[in-house]
C-alpha atoms as a PDB file:
ATOM      1  CA  MET A   1    -126.799-191.203 171.340  1.00  0.00           C
ATOM      2  CA  ALA A   2    -127.216-194.149 173.785  1.00  0.00           C
ATOM      3  CA  SER A   3    -126.196-193.171 177.217  1.00  0.00           C
ATOM      4  CA  GLY A   4    -124.016-195.210 179.647  1.00  0.00           C
ATOM      5  CA  SER A   5    -120.668-197.143 180.121  1.00  0.00           C
ATOM      6  CA  GLY A   6    -120.934-199.084 177.058  1.00  0.00           C
ATOM      7  CA  SER A   7    -121.153-196.094 174.828  1.00  0.00           C
ATOM      8  CA  SER A   8    -117.939-194.536 176.361  1.00  0.00           C
ATOM      9  CA  LYS A   9    -116.235-197.755 175.313  1.00  0.00           C
ATOM     10  CA  ASN A  10    -117.174-198.056 171.623  1.00  0.00           C
ATOM     11  CA  ASP A  11    -116.336-194.511 170.795  1.00  0.00           C
ATOM     12  CA  PHE A  12    -113.487-194.477 168.703  1.00  0.00           C
ATOM     13  CA  ARG A  13    -113.360-190.887 167.700  1.00  0.00           C
ATOM     14  CA  ARG A  14    -109.978-189.158 168.585  1.00  0.00           C
ATOM     15  CA  LYS A  15    -109.980-186.546 171.448  1.00  0.00           C
ATOM     16  CA  TRP A  16    -108.558-183.200 171.437  1.00  0.00           C
ATOM     17  CA  ASP A  17    -106.782-181.293 174.529  1.00  0.00           C
ATOM     18  CA  LYS A  18    -108.628-178.249 174.488  1.00  0.00           C
ATOM     19  CA  GLU A  19    -106.611-176.415 177.331  1.00  0.00           C
ATOM     20  CA  GLU A  20    -103.363-177.415 175.828  1.00  0.00           C
ATOM     21  CA  TYR A  21    -104.701-175.704 172.020  1.00  0.00           C
ATOM     22  CA  GLU A  22    -105.848-173.075 173.984  1.00  0.00           C
ATOM     23  CA  ASN A  23    -102.624-172.263 175.739  1.00  0.00           C
ATOM     24  CA  LEU A  24    -100.730-172.743 172.436  1.00  0.00           C
ATOM     25  CA  ALA A  25    -102.928-170.320 170.589  1.00  0.00           C
ATOM     26  CA  GLN A  26    -102.420-167.355 173.159  1.00  0.00           C
ATOM     27  CA  LYS A  27     -98.536-168.284 173.306  1.00  0.00           C
ATOM     28  CA  ARG A  28     -98.584-167.672 169.267  1.00  0.00           C
ATOM     29  CA  LEU A  29    -101.291-164.340 169.658  1.00  0.00           C
ATOM     30  CA  ALA A  30     -98.503-162.750 172.668  1.00  0.00           C
ATOM     31  CA  GLU A  31     -95.771-163.324 170.172  1.00  0.00           C
ATOM     32  CA  GLU A  32     -97.144-161.882 167.296  1.00  0.00           C
ATOM     33  CA  ARG A  33     -98.136-158.655 169.616  1.00  0.00           C
ATOM     34  CA  ASP A  34     -94.700-158.482 170.735  1.00  0.00           C
ATOM     35  CA  ARG A  35     -93.544-158.506 166.987  1.00  0.00           C
ATOM     36  CA  ASP A  36     -96.011-155.857 166.129  1.00  0.00           C
ATOM     37  CA  ARG A  37     -94.912-153.733 169.184  1.00  0.00           C
ATOM     38  CA  GLU A  38     -91.382-153.950 168.370  1.00  0.00           C
ATOM     39  CA  ARG A  39     -91.966-152.785 164.802  1.00  0.00           C
ATOM     40  CA  ARG A  40     -94.036-150.104 166.100  1.00  0.00           C
ATOM     41  CA  ASP A  41     -91.122-149.007 168.080  1.00  0.00           C
ATOM     42  CA  GLY A  42     -88.673-149.056 165.479  1.00  0.00           C
ATOM     43  CA  LYS A  43     -86.782-152.055 166.784  1.00  0.00           C
ATOM     44  CA  THR A  44     -86.411-154.494 163.518  1.00  0.00           C
ATOM     45  CA  VAL A  45     -85.341-158.049 164.048  1.00  0.00           C
ATOM     46  CA  PRO A  46     -82.092-158.285 162.653  1.00  0.00           C
ATOM     47  CA  PRO A  47     -81.970-160.492 159.303  1.00  0.00           C
ATOM     48  CA  VAL A  48     -80.420-163.969 159.566  1.00  0.00           C
ATOM     49  CA  LYS A  49     -77.032-163.618 157.971  1.00  0.00           C
ATOM     50  CA  ARG A  50     -76.686-166.684 155.568  1.00  0.00           C
ATOM     51  CA  ASP A  51     -73.462-167.851 153.882  1.00  0.00           C
ATOM     52  CA  LEU A  52     -73.040-166.579 149.746  1.00  0.00           C
ATOM     53  CA  LEU A  53     -74.074-169.808 147.688  1.00  0.00           C
ATOM     54  CA  ARG A  54     -70.787-172.529 147.215  1.00  0.00           C
ATOM     55  CA  HIS A  55     -70.322-175.149 144.352  1.00  0.00           C
ATOM     56  CA  ARG A  56     -71.329-178.761 145.411  1.00  0.00           C
ATOM     57  CA  ASP A  57     -67.729-180.706 146.114  1.00  0.00           C
ATOM     58  CA  TYR A  58     -69.712-184.329 145.977  1.00  0.00           C
ATOM     59  CA  LYS A  59     -71.281-185.946 142.980  1.00  0.00           C
ATOM     60  CA  VAL A  60     -74.837-186.478 143.124  1.00  0.00           C
ATOM     61  CA  ASP A  61     -76.052-190.016 143.136  1.00  0.00           C
ATOM     62  CA  LEU A  62     -78.635-190.573 140.729  1.00  0.00           C
ATOM     63  CA  GLU A  63     -77.924-194.047 139.195  1.00  0.00           C
ATOM     64  CA  SER A  64     -77.364-196.196 141.890  1.00  0.00           C
ATOM     65  CA  LYS A  65     -80.935-197.108 142.295  1.00  0.00           C
ATOM     66  CA  LEU A  66     -81.714-197.484 138.955  1.00  0.00           C
ATOM     67  CA  GLY A  67     -83.334-200.945 137.839  1.00  0.00           C
ATOM     68  CA  LYS A  68     -83.521-202.111 141.261  1.00  0.00           C
ATOM     69  CA  THR A  69     -86.925-203.291 142.908  1.00  0.00           C
ATOM     70  CA  ILE A  70     -87.594-202.538 146.597  1.00  0.00           C
ATOM     71  CA  VAL A  71     -90.240-204.143 148.678  1.00  0.00           C
ATOM     72  CA  ILE A  72     -92.014-201.370 150.859  1.00  0.00           C
ATOM     73  CA  THR A  73     -93.855-202.070 153.938  1.00  0.00           C
ATOM     74  CA  LYS A  74     -95.419-199.780 156.657  1.00  0.00           C
ATOM     75  CA  THR A  75     -92.207-199.687 158.875  1.00  0.00           C
ATOM     76  CA  THR A  76     -90.327-199.010 156.184  1.00  0.00           C
ATOM     77  CA  PRO A  77     -88.208-195.855 157.045  1.00  0.00           C
ATOM     78  CA  GLN A  78     -88.833-192.811 154.796  1.00  0.00           C
ATOM     79  CA  ALA A  79     -85.228-192.752 153.398  1.00  0.00           C
ATOM     80  CA  GLU A  80     -85.326-196.353 151.881  1.00  0.00           C
ATOM     81  CA  MET A  81     -88.844-195.991 150.347  1.00  0.00           C
ATOM     82  CA  GLY A  82     -89.097-195.249 146.446  1.00  0.00           C
ATOM     83  CA  GLY A  83     -87.487-192.336 145.170  1.00  0.00           C
ATOM     84  CA  TYR A  84     -84.718-189.874 145.999  1.00  0.00           C
ATOM     85  CA  TYR A  85     -84.508-188.955 149.780  1.00  0.00           C
ATOM     86  CA  CYS A  86     -83.264-185.697 150.956  1.00  0.00           C
ATOM     87  CA  ASN A  87     -81.490-185.820 154.287  1.00  0.00           C
ATOM     88  CA  VAL A  88     -81.337-182.124 154.655  1.00  0.00           C
ATOM     89  CA  CYS A  89     -84.735-181.628 153.977  1.00  0.00           C
ATOM     90  CA  ASP A  90     -86.297-185.098 155.224  1.00  0.00           C
ATOM     91  CA  CYS A  91     -88.216-185.227 152.179  1.00  0.00           C
ATOM     92  CA  VAL A  92     -88.712-187.917 149.350  1.00  0.00           C
ATOM     93  CA  VAL A  93     -88.851-186.721 145.607  1.00  0.00           C
ATOM     94  CA  LYS A  94     -90.028-189.502 143.214  1.00  0.00           C
ATOM     95  CA  ASP A  95     -87.836-188.280 139.897  1.00  0.00           C
ATOM     96  CA  SER A  96     -84.218-187.614 139.305  1.00  0.00           C
ATOM     97  CA  ILE A  97     -85.403-184.132 137.425  1.00  0.00           C
ATOM     98  CA  ASN A  98     -87.487-183.159 140.250  1.00  0.00           C
ATOM     99  CA  PHE A  99     -84.655-183.884 142.847  1.00  0.00           C
ATOM    100  CA  LEU A 100     -82.346-181.776 141.259  1.00  0.00           C
ATOM    101  CA  ASP A 101     -84.483-179.060 141.185  1.00  0.00           C
ATOM    102  CA  HIS A 102     -84.983-179.781 144.749  1.00  0.00           C
ATOM    103  CA  ILE A 103     -81.063-179.859 145.876  1.00  0.00           C
ATOM    104  CA  ASN A 104     -80.824-176.383 143.644  1.00  0.00           C
ATOM    105  CA  GLY A 105     -83.687-174.675 145.020  1.00  0.00           C
ATOM    106  CA  LYS A 106     -84.013-171.891 147.699  1.00  0.00           C
ATOM    107  CA  LYS A 107     -85.932-174.119 150.524  1.00  0.00           C
ATOM    108  CA  HIS A 108     -82.734-176.745 149.960  1.00  0.00           C
ATOM    109  CA  GLN A 109     -80.136-173.753 150.228  1.00  0.00           C
ATOM    110  CA  ARG A 110     -81.727-172.109 152.709  1.00  0.00           C
ATOM    111  CA  ASN A 111     -81.911-175.376 155.084  1.00  0.00           C
ATOM    112  CA  LEU A 112     -78.088-175.748 154.289  1.00  0.00           C
ATOM    113  CA  GLY A 113     -77.591-171.997 155.651  1.00  0.00           C
ATOM    114  CA  MET A 114     -76.996-170.657 152.569  1.00  0.00           C
ATOM    115  CA  SER A 115     -78.579-167.739 150.449  1.00  0.00           C
ATOM    116  CA  MET A 116     -79.264-167.655 146.790  1.00  0.00           C
ATOM    117  CA  ARG A 117     -76.549-165.068 146.156  1.00  0.00           C
ATOM    118  CA  VAL A 118     -73.246-166.187 144.527  1.00  0.00           C
ATOM    119  CA  GLU A 119     -70.096-164.501 145.377  1.00  0.00           C
ATOM    120  CA  ARG A 120     -68.677-161.884 143.026  1.00  0.00           C
ATOM    121  CA  SER A 121     -65.151-163.402 141.521  1.00  0.00           C
ATOM    122  CA  SER A 122     -62.134-161.555 140.914  1.00  0.00           C
ATOM    123  CA  LEU A 123     -59.992-161.306 137.871  1.00  0.00           C
ATOM    124  CA  ASP A 124     -57.371-163.279 139.781  1.00  0.00           C
ATOM    125  CA  GLN A 125     -59.744-165.986 140.527  1.00  0.00           C
ATOM    126  CA  VAL A 126     -61.031-166.351 136.747  1.00  0.00           C
ATOM    127  CA  LYS A 127     -57.590-166.801 135.718  1.00  0.00           C
ATOM    128  CA  LYS A 128     -56.724-169.168 137.817  1.00  0.00           C
ATOM    129  CA  ARG A 129     -60.080-171.554 137.424  1.00  0.00           C
ATOM    130  CA  PHE A 130     -59.296-170.939 133.460  1.00  0.00           C
ATOM    131  CA  GLU A 131     -55.610-172.355 134.523  1.00  0.00           C
ATOM    132  CA  VAL A 132     -57.090-175.326 136.363  1.00  0.00           C
ATOM    133  CA  ASN A 133     -59.657-176.376 133.823  1.00  0.00           C
ATOM    134  CA  LYS A 134     -56.955-176.319 131.047  1.00  0.00           C
ATOM    135  CA  LYS A 135     -54.724-178.770 132.925  1.00  0.00           C
ATOM    136  CA  LYS A 136     -57.779-181.042 133.421  1.00  0.00           C
ATOM    137  CA  LEU A 137     -58.651-181.085 129.602  1.00  0.00           C
ATOM    138  CA  GLU A 138     -55.034-181.584 128.950  1.00  0.00           C
ATOM    139  CA  GLU A 139     -54.839-184.842 131.295  1.00  0.00           C
ATOM    140  CA  LYS A 140     -58.300-185.846 129.955  1.00  0.00           C
ATOM    141  CA  GLN A 141     -56.977-185.518 126.300  1.00  0.00           C
ATOM    142  CA  LYS A 142     -53.875-187.314 127.009  1.00  0.00           C
ATOM    143  CA  GLU A 143     -56.011-190.368 128.555  1.00  0.00           C
ATOM    144  CA  TYR A 144     -57.904-190.547 125.813  1.00  0.00           C
ATOM    145  CA  ASP A 145     -55.585-190.337 123.039  1.00  0.00           C
ATOM    146  CA  PHE A 146     -54.043-193.240 124.256  1.00  0.00           C
ATOM    147  CA  GLU A 147     -57.438-195.454 125.008  1.00  0.00           C
ATOM    148  CA  GLU A 148     -58.846-194.170 121.871  1.00  0.00           C
ATOM    149  CA  ARG A 149     -55.675-195.359 119.856  1.00  0.00           C
ATOM    150  CA  MET A 150     -55.863-198.727 121.306  1.00  0.00           C
ATOM    151  CA  LYS A 151     -59.529-199.191 120.784  1.00  0.00           C
ATOM    152  CA  GLU A 152     -59.439-197.771 117.147  1.00  0.00           C
ATOM    153  CA  LEU A 153     -56.729-200.480 116.415  1.00  0.00           C
ATOM    154  CA  ARG A 154     -58.523-203.209 118.062  1.00  0.00           C
ATOM    155  CA  GLU A 155     -61.721-202.486 116.006  1.00  0.00           C
ATOM    156  CA  GLU A 156     -59.362-202.169 112.544  1.00  0.00           C
ATOM    157  CA  GLU A 157     -57.772-205.627 113.518  1.00  0.00           C
ATOM    158  CA  GLU A 158     -61.157-206.877 114.108  1.00  0.00           C
ATOM    159  CA  LYS A 159     -62.462-205.531 110.843  1.00  0.00           C
ATOM    160  CA  ALA A 160     -59.704-206.624 108.414  1.00  0.00           C
ATOM    161  CA  LYS A 161     -60.275-210.190 109.986  1.00  0.00           C
ATOM    162  CA  ALA A 162     -63.831-209.969 109.429  1.00  0.00           C
ATOM    163  CA  TYR A 163     -63.316-208.410 105.658  1.00  0.00           C
ATOM    164  CA  LYS A 164     -60.508-211.679 105.104  1.00  0.00           C
ATOM    165  CA  LYS A 165     -62.920-214.385 106.444  1.00  0.00           C
ATOM    166  CA  GLU A 166     -65.616-213.058 104.065  1.00  0.00           C
ATOM    167  CA  LYS A 167     -63.242-212.967 100.986  1.00  0.00           C
ATOM    168  CA  GLN A 168     -62.464-216.618 102.147  1.00  0.00           C
ATOM    169  CA  LYS A 169     -65.911-217.774 102.024  1.00  0.00           C
ATOM    170  CA  GLU A 170     -66.576-215.925  98.612  1.00  0.00           C
ATOM    171  CA  ARG A 171     -63.457-218.009  96.999  1.00  0.00           C
ATOM    172  CA  LYS A 172     -64.914-221.235  98.289  1.00  0.00           C
ATOM    173  CA  ARG A 173     -68.644-220.447  96.671  1.00  0.00           C
ATOM    174  CA  ARG A 174     -67.025-219.033  93.282  1.00  0.00           C
ATOM    175  CA  ALA A 175     -64.819-222.655  93.718  1.00  0.00           C
ATOM    176  CA  GLU A 176     -67.805-224.524  94.373  1.00  0.00           C
ATOM    177  CA  GLY A 177     -69.576-223.263  91.603  1.00  0.00           C
ATOM    178  CA  ASP A 178     -67.210-223.717  88.788  1.00  0.00           C
ATOM    179  CA  VAL A 179     -66.975-227.686  89.808  1.00  0.00           C
ATOM    180  CA  ASP A 180     -70.686-227.983  89.424  1.00  0.00           C
ATOM    181  CA  PHE A 181     -70.924-226.517  85.955  1.00  0.00           C
ATOM    182  CA  GLU A 182     -67.970-229.024  84.701  1.00  0.00           C
ATOM    183  CA  GLU A 183     -70.204-231.393  86.549  1.00  0.00           C
ATOM    184  CA  ASP A 184     -73.061-230.382  84.430  1.00  0.00           C
ATOM    185  CA  ASP A 185     -71.069-230.473  81.176  1.00  0.00           C
ATOM    186  CA  GLU A 186     -70.022-233.627  81.783  1.00  0.00           C
ATOM    187  CA  MET A 187     -73.208-235.347  82.394  1.00  0.00           C
ATOM    188  CA  ALA A 188     -74.747-233.633  79.444  1.00  0.00           C
ATOM    189  CA  ALA A 189     -72.020-234.827  77.228  1.00  0.00           C
ATOM    190  CA  VAL A 190     -72.671-238.450  78.400  1.00  0.00           C
ATOM    191  CA  MET A 191     -76.083-237.991  78.130  1.00  0.00           C
ATOM    192  CA  GLY A 192     -75.772-237.176  74.563  1.00  0.00           C
ATOM    193  CA  PHE A 193     -77.421-233.384  74.999  1.00  0.00           C
ATOM    194  CA  SER A 194     -75.006-230.772  73.066  1.00  0.00           C
ATOM    195  CA  GLY A 195     -75.823-228.212  75.641  1.00  0.00           C
ATOM    196  CA  PHE A 196     -78.805-226.745  77.597  1.00  0.00           C
ATOM    197  CA  GLY A 197     -78.837-223.422  75.328  1.00  0.00           C
ATOM    198  CA  SER A 198     -81.014-222.603  72.340  1.00  0.00           C
ATOM    199  CA  SER A 199     -82.405-225.077  69.759  1.00  0.00           C
ATOM    200  CA  LYS A 200     -80.802-223.353  66.849  1.00  0.00           C
ATOM    201  CA  LYS A 201     -78.185-225.214  64.793  1.00  0.00           C
ATOM    202  CA  SER A 202     -74.932-223.322  64.075  1.00  0.00           C
ATOM    203  CA  HIS A 203     -73.915-222.908  60.733  1.00  0.00           C
END
């Protein structure tokens, strides 16, 4: 390699601070030694206490970006890039199935401060839950009955109108056909033809 001031200016290689990385390595080794010493002495590091798994109290938005086009540049923030962004884990997932897998996964729940263990429900809690779900179903049934009935009535009215129109068209077609036959018979009589049927004479 050529020596001189010109060569240092044209050198675009990345430079690493060796002292800084040496210090980081020494620090990591010291932490590992301390941990090993604690294990040998019988002092175990207490495990992190995490909350039990809770159900989501919000709806996961999977459809707001469907069918939309986004222009992505170098300066576009990660949250606005194509795909589904998780602000808890600061990552982008490309499709909805993988996004659901991610938010239900261990890493995401851990970042939320929860373990994958579920609280054991008592009999009273199960009964209350059944009551709540029953009430919800009854309310939905009422709404469905009224709205669905109105919809069915509208559809029946439309079908009846369409049927009437079809019948009227059919009647018109038949009436036009009868008129045409009558005109043909009159024309045949004027021209001297007895009919357009067979040539056999009737005795």
